[in-house]
PDB file of N, CA and C in Angstrom:
ATOM      1  N   MET A   1      17.851 -40.534 -11.033  1.00  0.00           N
ATOM      2  CA  MET A   1      17.521 -40.613  -9.627  1.00  0.00           C
ATOM      3  C   MET A   1      17.985 -39.342  -8.929  1.00  0.00           C
ATOM      4  N   THR A   2      17.112 -38.753  -8.179  1.00  0.00           N
ATOM      5  CA  THR A   2      17.415 -37.526  -7.472  1.00  0.00           C
ATOM      6  C   THR A   2      18.171 -37.853  -6.197  1.00  0.00           C
ATOM      7  N   LYS A   3      19.206 -37.087  -5.937  1.00  0.00           N
ATOM      8  CA  LYS A   3      19.996 -37.287  -4.734  1.00  0.00           C
ATOM      9  C   LYS A   3      20.073 -35.976  -3.967  1.00  0.00           C
ATOM     10  N   ILE A   4      20.051 -36.092  -2.663  1.00  0.00           N
ATOM     11  CA  ILE A   4      20.267 -34.935  -1.805  1.00  0.00           C
ATOM     12  C   ILE A   4      21.547 -35.194  -1.025  1.00  0.00           C
ATOM     13  N   THR A   5      22.371 -34.185  -0.932  1.00  0.00           N
ATOM     14  CA  THR A   5      23.634 -34.346  -0.222  1.00  0.00           C
ATOM     15  C   THR A   5      23.444 -33.992   1.253  1.00  0.00           C
ATOM     16  N   LYS A   6      24.399 -34.413   2.034  1.00  0.00           N
ATOM     17  CA  LYS A   6      24.370 -34.105   3.465  1.00  0.00           C
ATOM     18  C   LYS A   6      24.421 -32.593   3.670  1.00  0.00           C
ATOM     19  N   GLU A   7      25.219 -31.913   2.850  1.00  0.00           N
ATOM     20  CA  GLU A   7      25.344 -30.459   2.965  1.00  0.00           C
ATOM     21  C   GLU A   7      24.001 -29.773   2.672  1.00  0.00           C
ATOM     22  N   GLU A   8      23.286 -30.274   1.638  1.00  0.00           N
ATOM     23  CA  GLU A   8      21.985 -29.685   1.313  1.00  0.00           C
ATOM     24  C   GLU A   8      20.982 -29.902   2.448  1.00  0.00           C
ATOM     25  N   LEU A   9      20.985 -31.096   3.009  1.00  0.00           N
ATOM     26  CA  LEU A   9      20.083 -31.404   4.115  1.00  0.00           C
ATOM     27  C   LEU A   9      20.370 -30.506   5.311  1.00  0.00           C
ATOM     28  N   LEU A  10      21.636 -30.347   5.641  1.00  0.00           N
ATOM     29  CA  LEU A  10      22.000 -29.503   6.780  1.00  0.00           C
ATOM     30  C   LEU A  10      21.658 -28.037   6.526  1.00  0.00           C
ATOM     31  N   LYS A  11      21.791 -27.598   5.270  1.00  0.00           N
ATOM     32  CA  LYS A  11      21.449 -26.220   4.931  1.00  0.00           C
ATOM     33  C   LYS A  11      19.951 -25.993   5.095  1.00  0.00           C
ATOM     34  N   VAL A  12      19.127 -26.923   4.594  1.00  0.00           N
ATOM     35  CA  VAL A  12      17.674 -26.800   4.729  1.00  0.00           C
ATOM     36  C   VAL A  12      17.286 -26.828   6.205  1.00  0.00           C
ATOM     37  N   ALA A  13      17.910 -27.694   6.985  1.00  0.00           N
ATOM     38  CA  ALA A  13      17.622 -27.772   8.417  1.00  0.00           C
ATOM     39  C   ALA A  13      17.987 -26.461   9.107  1.00  0.00           C
ATOM     40  N   ARG A  14      19.118 -25.900   8.747  1.00  0.00           N
ATOM     41  CA  ARG A  14      19.551 -24.639   9.353  1.00  0.00           C
ATOM     42  C   ARG A  14      18.588 -23.515   8.987  1.00  0.00           C
ATOM     43  N   LEU A  15      18.190 -23.430   7.711  1.00  0.00           N
ATOM     44  CA  LEU A  15      17.264 -22.384   7.277  1.00  0.00           C
ATOM     45  C   LEU A  15      15.888 -22.544   7.923  1.00  0.00           C
ATOM     46  N   SER A  16      15.532 -23.788   8.234  1.00  0.00           N
ATOM     47  CA  SER A  16      14.228 -24.077   8.852  1.00  0.00           C
ATOM     48  C   SER A  16      14.287 -24.024  10.371  1.00  0.00           C
ATOM     49  N   HIS A  17      15.470 -23.765  10.911  1.00  0.00           N
ATOM     50  CA  HIS A  17      15.673 -23.754  12.361  1.00  0.00           C
ATOM     51  C   HIS A  17      15.287 -25.100  12.982  1.00  0.00           C
ATOM     52  N   VAL A  18      15.733 -26.173  12.322  1.00  0.00           N
ATOM     53  CA  VAL A  18      15.462 -27.524  12.801  1.00  0.00           C
ATOM     54  C   VAL A  18      16.786 -28.156  13.209  1.00  0.00           C
ATOM     55  N   PHE A  19      16.831 -28.699  14.408  1.00  0.00           N
ATOM     56  CA  PHE A  19      18.035 -29.386  14.882  1.00  0.00           C
ATOM     57  C   PHE A  19      17.971 -30.845  14.434  1.00  0.00           C
ATOM     58  N   LEU A  20      19.040 -31.309  13.793  1.00  0.00           N
ATOM     59  CA  LEU A  20      19.119 -32.705  13.364  1.00  0.00           C
ATOM     60  C   LEU A  20      20.236 -33.397  14.134  1.00  0.00           C
ATOM     61  N   PRO A  21      19.894 -34.401  14.923  1.00  0.00           N
ATOM     62  CA  PRO A  21      20.947 -35.166  15.602  1.00  0.00           C
ATOM     63  C   PRO A  21      21.817 -35.881  14.567  1.00  0.00           C
ATOM     64  N   GLU A  22      23.083 -35.942  14.824  1.00  0.00           N
ATOM     65  CA  GLU A  22      24.047 -36.531  13.878  1.00  0.00           C
ATOM     66  C   GLU A  22      23.676 -37.970  13.513  1.00  0.00           C
ATOM     67  N   ASN A  23      23.152 -38.727  14.463  1.00  0.00           N
ATOM     68  CA  ASN A  23      22.853 -40.140  14.194  1.00  0.00           C
ATOM     69  C   ASN A  23      21.601 -40.334  13.334  1.00  0.00           C
ATOM     70  N   GLU A  24      20.826 -39.263  13.067  1.00  0.00           N
ATOM     71  CA  GLU A  24      19.626 -39.375  12.238  1.00  0.00           C
ATOM     72  C   GLU A  24      19.816 -38.860  10.811  1.00  0.00           C
ATOM     73  N   ILE A  25      20.945 -38.238  10.535  1.00  0.00           N
ATOM     74  CA  ILE A  25      21.148 -37.583   9.239  1.00  0.00           C
ATOM     75  C   ILE A  25      21.152 -38.584   8.092  1.00  0.00           C
ATOM     76  N   ASP A  26      21.868 -39.685   8.220  1.00  0.00           N
ATOM     77  CA  ASP A  26      21.937 -40.659   7.123  1.00  0.00           C
ATOM     78  C   ASP A  26      20.557 -41.245   6.813  1.00  0.00           C
ATOM     79  N   GLY A  27      19.778 -41.531   7.839  1.00  0.00           N
ATOM     80  CA  GLY A  27      18.425 -42.051   7.627  1.00  0.00           C
ATOM     81  C   GLY A  27      17.522 -41.038   6.944  1.00  0.00           C
ATOM     82  N   LEU A  28      17.663 -39.758   7.333  1.00  0.00           N
ATOM     83  CA  LEU A  28      16.860 -38.706   6.710  1.00  0.00           C
ATOM     84  C   LEU A  28      17.234 -38.523   5.243  1.00  0.00           C
ATOM     85  N   ILE A  29      18.519 -38.616   4.944  1.00  0.00           N
ATOM     86  CA  ILE A  29      18.956 -38.495   3.547  1.00  0.00           C
ATOM     87  C   ILE A  29      18.330 -39.606   2.714  1.00  0.00           C
ATOM     88  N   ALA A  30      18.328 -40.828   3.224  1.00  0.00           N
ATOM     89  CA  ALA A  30      17.724 -41.950   2.498  1.00  0.00           C
ATOM     90  C   ALA A  30      16.221 -41.732   2.332  1.00  0.00           C
ATOM     91  N   ASP A  31      15.545 -41.283   3.380  1.00  0.00           N
ATOM     92  CA  ASP A  31      14.099 -41.037   3.301  1.00  0.00           C
ATOM     93  C   ASP A  31      13.780 -39.942   2.285  1.00  0.00           C
ATOM     94  N   ILE A  32      14.526 -38.862   2.326  1.00  0.00           N
ATOM     95  CA  ILE A  32      14.289 -37.756   1.389  1.00  0.00           C
ATOM     96  C   ILE A  32      14.589 -38.191  -0.032  1.00  0.00           C
ATOM     97  N   ASP A  33      15.646 -38.965  -0.229  1.00  0.00           N
ATOM     98  CA  ASP A  33      15.939 -39.497  -1.564  1.00  0.00           C
ATOM     99  C   ASP A  33      14.776 -40.329  -2.092  1.00  0.00           C
ATOM    100  N   ASN A  34      14.201 -41.165  -1.240  1.00  0.00           N
ATOM    101  CA  ASN A  34      13.048 -41.964  -1.653  1.00  0.00           C
ATOM    102  C   ASN A  34      11.868 -41.085  -2.062  1.00  0.00           C
ATOM    103  N   VAL A  35      11.598 -40.045  -1.289  1.00  0.00           N
ATOM    104  CA  VAL A  35      10.493 -39.143  -1.605  1.00  0.00           C
ATOM    105  C   VAL A  35      10.758 -38.406  -2.917  1.00  0.00           C
ATOM    106  N   LEU A  36      11.968 -37.907  -3.091  1.00  0.00           N
ATOM    107  CA  LEU A  36      12.301 -37.179  -4.320  1.00  0.00           C
ATOM    108  C   LEU A  36      12.259 -38.090  -5.549  1.00  0.00           C
ATOM    109  N   THR A  37      12.714 -39.320  -5.396  1.00  0.00           N
ATOM    110  CA  THR A  37      12.657 -40.282  -6.504  1.00  0.00           C
ATOM    111  C   THR A  37      11.210 -40.577  -6.869  1.00  0.00           C
ATOM    112  N   TYR A  38      10.377 -40.768  -5.859  1.00  0.00           N
ATOM    113  CA  TYR A  38       8.955 -41.028  -6.089  1.00  0.00           C
ATOM    114  C   TYR A  38       8.299 -39.831  -6.785  1.00  0.00           C
ATOM    115  N   ALA A  39       8.594 -38.614  -6.316  1.00  0.00           N
ATOM    116  CA  ALA A  39       8.019 -37.411  -6.912  1.00  0.00           C
ATOM    117  C   ALA A  39       8.467 -37.252  -8.363  1.00  0.00           C
ATOM    118  N   ALA A  40       9.725 -37.566  -8.641  1.00  0.00           N
ATOM    119  CA  ALA A  40      10.218 -37.488 -10.021  1.00  0.00           C
ATOM    120  C   ALA A  40       9.494 -38.489 -10.903  1.00  0.00           C
ATOM    121  N   ARG A  41       9.257 -39.685 -10.390  1.00  0.00           N
ATOM    122  CA  ARG A  41       8.553 -40.724 -11.163  1.00  0.00           C
ATOM    123  C   ARG A  41       7.102 -40.301 -11.432  1.00  0.00           C
ATOM    124  N   VAL A  42       6.450 -39.757 -10.419  1.00  0.00           N
ATOM    125  CA  VAL A  42       5.076 -39.271 -10.601  1.00  0.00           C
ATOM    126  C   VAL A  42       5.061 -38.160 -11.653  1.00  0.00           C
ATOM    127  N   GLY A  43       6.049 -37.288 -11.605  1.00  0.00           N
ATOM    128  CA  GLY A  43       6.147 -36.215 -12.601  1.00  0.00           C
ATOM    129  C   GLY A  43       6.318 -36.755 -14.008  1.00  0.00           C
ATOM    130  N   GLU A  44       7.112 -37.805 -14.161  1.00  0.00           N
ATOM    131  CA  GLU A  44       7.294 -38.425 -15.479  1.00  0.00           C
ATOM    132  C   GLU A  44       5.988 -39.019 -15.990  1.00  0.00           C
ATOM    133  N   ILE A  45       5.282 -39.707 -15.110  1.00  0.00           N
ATOM    134  CA  ILE A  45       4.014 -40.328 -15.505  1.00  0.00           C
ATOM    135  C   ILE A  45       2.984 -39.248 -15.833  1.00  0.00           C
ATOM    136  N   ALA A  46       2.927 -38.216 -15.021  1.00  0.00           N
ATOM    137  CA  ALA A  46       1.952 -37.151 -15.231  1.00  0.00           C
ATOM    138  C   ALA A  46       2.231 -36.381 -16.517  1.00  0.00           C
ATOM    139  N   ALA A  47       3.482 -36.339 -16.941  1.00  0.00           N
ATOM    140  CA  ALA A  47       3.821 -35.619 -18.168  1.00  0.00           C
ATOM    141  C   ALA A  47       3.211 -36.302 -19.386  1.00  0.00           C
ATOM    142  N   ASP A  48       2.980 -37.609 -19.305  1.00  0.00           N
ATOM    143  CA  ASP A  48       2.406 -38.352 -20.426  1.00  0.00           C
ATOM    144  C   ASP A  48       0.891 -38.236 -20.481  1.00  0.00           C
ATOM    145  N   VAL A  49       0.272 -37.783 -19.423  1.00  0.00           N
ATOM    146  CA  VAL A  49      -1.191 -37.711 -19.358  1.00  0.00           C
ATOM    147  C   VAL A  49      -1.637 -36.343 -19.859  1.00  0.00           C
ATOM    148  N   GLU A  50      -2.527 -36.383 -20.837  1.00  0.00           N
ATOM    149  CA  GLU A  50      -3.086 -35.125 -21.330  1.00  0.00           C
ATOM    150  C   GLU A  50      -4.462 -34.949 -20.724  1.00  0.00           C
ATOM    151  N   GLU A  51      -4.586 -33.914 -19.940  1.00  0.00           N
ATOM    152  CA  GLU A  51      -5.853 -33.655 -19.287  1.00  0.00           C
ATOM    153  C   GLU A  51      -6.234 -32.210 -19.525  1.00  0.00           C
ATOM    154  N   GLU A  52      -7.483 -32.007 -19.873  1.00  0.00           N
ATOM    155  CA  GLU A  52      -7.950 -30.652 -20.103  1.00  0.00           C
ATOM    156  C   GLU A  52      -7.925 -29.892 -18.792  1.00  0.00           C
ATOM    157  N   THR A  53      -7.328 -28.737 -18.840  1.00  0.00           N
ATOM    158  CA  THR A  53      -7.235 -27.941 -17.620  1.00  0.00           C
ATOM    159  C   THR A  53      -8.523 -27.176 -17.398  1.00  0.00           C
ATOM    160  N   LYS A  54      -8.952 -27.145 -16.171  1.00  0.00           N
ATOM    161  CA  LYS A  54     -10.151 -26.401 -15.829  1.00  0.00           C
ATOM    162  C   LYS A  54      -9.805 -25.254 -14.885  1.00  0.00           C
ATOM    163  N   LYS A  55      -8.545 -24.971 -14.792  1.00  0.00           N
ATOM    164  CA  LYS A  55      -8.091 -23.925 -13.899  1.00  0.00           C
ATOM    165  C   LYS A  55      -8.304 -22.566 -14.558  1.00  0.00           C
ATOM    166  N   ASN A  56      -8.722 -21.606 -13.785  1.00  0.00           N
ATOM    167  CA  ASN A  56      -8.906 -20.232 -14.237  1.00  0.00           C
ATOM    168  C   ASN A  56      -9.869 -20.108 -15.405  1.00  0.00           C
ATOM    169  N   VAL A  57     -10.950 -20.839 -15.354  1.00  0.00           N
ATOM    170  CA  VAL A  57     -11.967 -20.734 -16.383  1.00  0.00           C
ATOM    171  C   VAL A  57     -13.023 -19.762 -15.879  1.00  0.00           C
ATOM    172  N   ASN A  58     -13.268 -18.729 -16.666  1.00  0.00           N
ATOM    173  CA  ASN A  58     -14.280 -17.755 -16.278  1.00  0.00           C
ATOM    174  C   ASN A  58     -15.664 -18.282 -16.615  1.00  0.00           C
ATOM    175  N   VAL A  59     -16.529 -18.222 -15.660  1.00  0.00           N
ATOM    176  CA  VAL A  59     -17.907 -18.632 -15.865  1.00  0.00           C
ATOM    177  C   VAL A  59     -18.758 -17.384 -15.720  1.00  0.00           C
ATOM    178  N   THR A  60     -19.553 -17.136 -16.709  1.00  0.00           N
ATOM    179  CA  THR A  60     -20.410 -15.963 -16.633  1.00  0.00           C
ATOM    180  C   THR A  60     -21.826 -16.393 -16.322  1.00  0.00           C
ATOM    181  N   ARG A  61     -22.471 -15.608 -15.534  1.00  0.00           N
ATOM    182  CA  ARG A  61     -23.868 -15.852 -15.225  1.00  0.00           C
ATOM    183  C   ARG A  61     -24.521 -14.499 -15.054  1.00  0.00           C
ATOM    184  N   GLU A  62     -25.798 -14.500 -15.191  1.00  0.00           N
ATOM    185  CA  GLU A  62     -26.542 -13.269 -15.035  1.00  0.00           C
ATOM    186  C   GLU A  62     -26.660 -12.948 -13.548  1.00  0.00           C
ATOM    187  N   ASP A  63     -26.383 -11.705 -13.195  1.00  0.00           N
ATOM    188  CA  ASP A  63     -26.578 -11.276 -11.817  1.00  0.00           C
ATOM    189  C   ASP A  63     -28.065 -11.110 -11.562  1.00  0.00           C
ATOM    190  N   VAL A  64     -28.511 -11.662 -10.485  1.00  0.00           N
ATOM    191  CA  VAL A  64     -29.918 -11.581 -10.128  1.00  0.00           C
ATOM    192  C   VAL A  64     -30.019 -10.874  -8.791  1.00  0.00           C
ATOM    193  N   VAL A  65     -30.800  -9.814  -8.764  1.00  0.00           N
ATOM    194  CA  VAL A  65     -30.999  -9.075  -7.529  1.00  0.00           C
ATOM    195  C   VAL A  65     -32.168  -9.705  -6.791  1.00  0.00           C
ATOM    196  N   ILE A  66     -31.919 -10.087  -5.545  1.00  0.00           N
ATOM    197  CA  ILE A  66     -32.973 -10.671  -4.717  1.00  0.00           C
ATOM    198  C   ILE A  66     -33.236  -9.686  -3.583  1.00  0.00           C
ATOM    199  N   PRO A  67     -34.342  -8.999  -3.627  1.00  0.00           N
ATOM    200  CA  PRO A  67     -34.629  -8.039  -2.556  1.00  0.00           C
ATOM    201  C   PRO A  67     -34.761  -8.767  -1.215  1.00  0.00           C
ATOM    202  N   THR A  68     -34.045  -8.254  -0.225  1.00  0.00           N
ATOM    203  CA  THR A  68     -34.074  -8.854   1.100  1.00  0.00           C
ATOM    204  C   THR A  68     -34.317  -7.756   2.124  1.00  0.00           C
ATOM    205  N   PRO A  69     -35.295  -7.904   2.964  1.00  0.00           N
ATOM    206  CA  PRO A  69     -35.520  -6.880   3.989  1.00  0.00           C
ATOM    207  C   PRO A  69     -34.383  -6.911   5.015  1.00  0.00           C
ATOM    208  N   PRO A  70     -33.824  -5.758   5.365  1.00  0.00           N
ATOM    209  CA  PRO A  70     -32.670  -5.739   6.275  1.00  0.00           C
ATOM    210  C   PRO A  70     -33.037  -5.991   7.742  1.00  0.00           C
ATOM    211  N   GLN A  71     -34.279  -5.809   8.111  1.00  0.00           N
ATOM    212  CA  GLN A  71     -34.652  -5.885   9.520  1.00  0.00           C
ATOM    213  C   GLN A  71     -34.356  -7.220  10.206  1.00  0.00           C
ATOM    214  N   PRO A  72     -34.595  -8.384   9.583  1.00  0.00           N
ATOM    215  CA  PRO A  72     -34.256  -9.636  10.279  1.00  0.00           C
ATOM    216  C   PRO A  72     -32.763  -9.771  10.569  1.00  0.00           C
ATOM    217  N   LEU A  73     -31.929  -9.288   9.671  1.00  0.00           N
ATOM    218  CA  LEU A  73     -30.474  -9.347   9.907  1.00  0.00           C
ATOM    219  C   LEU A  73     -30.058  -8.331  10.960  1.00  0.00           C
ATOM    220  N   LEU A  74     -30.581  -7.113  10.841  1.00  0.00           N
ATOM    221  CA  LEU A  74     -30.208  -6.073  11.793  1.00  0.00           C
ATOM    222  C   LEU A  74     -30.701  -6.392  13.198  1.00  0.00           C
ATOM    223  N   ALA A  75     -31.768  -7.142  13.315  1.00  0.00           N
ATOM    224  CA  ALA A  75     -32.286  -7.506  14.631  1.00  0.00           C
ATOM    225  C   ALA A  75     -31.293  -8.386  15.394  1.00  0.00           C
ATOM    226  N   GLN A  76     -30.397  -9.065  14.676  1.00  0.00           N
ATOM    227  CA  GLN A  76     -29.413  -9.940  15.318  1.00  0.00           C
ATOM    228  C   GLN A  76     -28.128  -9.204  15.703  1.00  0.00           C
ATOM    229  N   ALA A  77     -27.995  -7.958  15.267  1.00  0.00           N
ATOM    230  CA  ALA A  77     -26.765  -7.207  15.527  1.00  0.00           C
ATOM    231  C   ALA A  77     -26.674  -6.821  16.989  1.00  0.00           C
ATOM    232  N   PRO A  78     -25.476  -6.981  17.599  1.00  0.00           N
ATOM    233  CA  PRO A  78     -25.323  -6.566  18.987  1.00  0.00           C
ATOM    234  C   PRO A  78     -25.473  -5.049  19.152  1.00  0.00           C
ATOM    235  N   GLU A  79     -25.073  -4.327  18.086  1.00  0.00           N
ATOM    236  CA  GLU A  79     -25.188  -2.864  18.147  1.00  0.00           C
ATOM    237  C   GLU A  79     -25.424  -2.358  16.734  1.00  0.00           C
ATOM    238  N   ARG A  80     -26.313  -1.376  16.615  1.00  0.00           N
ATOM    239  CA  ARG A  80     -26.590  -0.814  15.293  1.00  0.00           C
ATOM    240  C   ARG A  80     -27.022   0.631  15.438  1.00  0.00           C
ATOM    241  N   ILE A  81     -26.852   1.365  14.350  1.00  0.00           N
ATOM    242  CA  ILE A  81     -27.339   2.734  14.245  1.00  0.00           C
ATOM    243  C   ILE A  81     -28.185   2.783  12.980  1.00  0.00           C
ATOM    244  N   GLU A  82     -29.444   3.044  13.150  1.00  0.00           N
ATOM    245  CA  GLU A  82     -30.427   3.035  12.066  1.00  0.00           C
ATOM    246  C   GLU A  82     -30.333   1.709  11.313  1.00  0.00           C
ATOM    247  N   ASP A  83     -29.998   1.747  10.026  1.00  0.00           N
ATOM    248  CA  ASP A  83     -29.921   0.510   9.236  1.00  0.00           C
ATOM    249  C   ASP A  83     -28.482   0.056   8.994  1.00  0.00           C
ATOM    250  N   PHE A  84     -27.577   0.332   9.952  1.00  0.00           N
ATOM    251  CA  PHE A  84     -26.173  -0.007   9.790  1.00  0.00           C
ATOM    252  C   PHE A  84     -25.659  -0.771  11.006  1.00  0.00           C
ATOM    253  N   PHE A  85     -24.776  -1.726  10.777  1.00  0.00           N
ATOM    254  CA  PHE A  85     -24.108  -2.432  11.862  1.00  0.00           C
ATOM    255  C   PHE A  85     -23.031  -1.527  12.445  1.00  0.00           C
ATOM    256  N   VAL A  86     -22.844  -1.559  13.739  1.00  0.00           N
ATOM    257  CA  VAL A  86     -21.741  -0.849  14.380  1.00  0.00           C
ATOM    258  C   VAL A  86     -20.666  -1.883  14.653  1.00  0.00           C
ATOM    259  N   VAL A  87     -19.454  -1.622  14.128  1.00  0.00           N
ATOM    260  CA  VAL A  87     -18.336  -2.547  14.295  1.00  0.00           C
ATOM    261  C   VAL A  87     -17.134  -1.789  14.842  1.00  0.00           C
ATOM    262  N   PRO A  88     -16.183  -2.465  15.467  1.00  0.00           N
ATOM    263  CA  PRO A  88     -14.990  -1.790  15.955  1.00  0.00           C
ATOM    264  C   PRO A  88     -14.166  -1.217  14.806  1.00  0.00           C
ATOM    265  N   MET A  89     -13.536  -0.068  15.043  1.00  0.00           N
ATOM    266  CA  MET A  89     -12.703   0.552  14.034  1.00  0.00           C
ATOM    267  C   MET A  89     -11.401  -0.243  13.932  1.00  0.00           C
ATOM    268  N   ILE A  90     -11.031  -0.625  12.715  1.00  0.00           N
ATOM    269  CA  ILE A  90      -9.779  -1.364  12.525  1.00  0.00           C
ATOM    270  C   ILE A  90      -8.763  -0.575  11.718  1.00  0.00           C
ATOM    271  N   LEU A  91      -9.202   0.493  11.080  1.00  0.00           N
ATOM    272  CA  LEU A  91      -8.316   1.335  10.304  1.00  0.00           C
ATOM    273  C   LEU A  91      -8.300   2.724  10.927  1.00  0.00           C
ATOM    274  N   GLU A  92      -7.119   3.323  10.937  1.00  0.00           N
ATOM    275  CA  GLU A  92      -7.018   4.671  11.483  1.00  0.00           C
ATOM    276  C   GLU A  92      -7.181   5.683  10.376  1.00  0.00           C
ATOM    277  N   SER A  93      -7.767   6.790  10.702  1.00  0.00           N
ATOM    278  CA  SER A  93      -7.961   7.863   9.740  1.00  0.00           C
ATOM    279  C   SER A  93      -6.744   8.778   9.765  1.00  0.00           C
ATOM    280  N   ASN A  94      -6.348   9.297   8.594  1.00  0.00           N
ATOM    281  CA  ASN A  94      -5.206  10.214   8.514  1.00  0.00           C
ATOM    282  C   ASN A  94      -5.656  11.662   8.658  1.00  0.00           C
ATOM    283  N   GLU A  95      -6.892  11.873   8.980  1.00  0.00           N
ATOM    284  CA  GLU A  95      -7.409  13.228   9.089  1.00  0.00           C
ATOM    285  C   GLU A  95      -7.065  13.861  10.393  1.00  0.00           C
TER     286      GLU A  95
END
């Protein structure tokens, strides 16, 4: 069973810039203990489950070029120069 001490709770509260009234600390410790116990139990159960991971699987597909005329998009631009959108400068040049 996971336990959190009063000192640990106060340290986390201080680091988080959260004020904890003295009369709520014991209740918070009990609530956090319940959450940590539940999370530990879920972790134990999940450790027994073998599931194929689908994370970070590269999928390859053929790139297909679809010709698109730029004029319908450029017609919606508030400002443009020839075939380019004009946007505010967000980076400064070192030149």
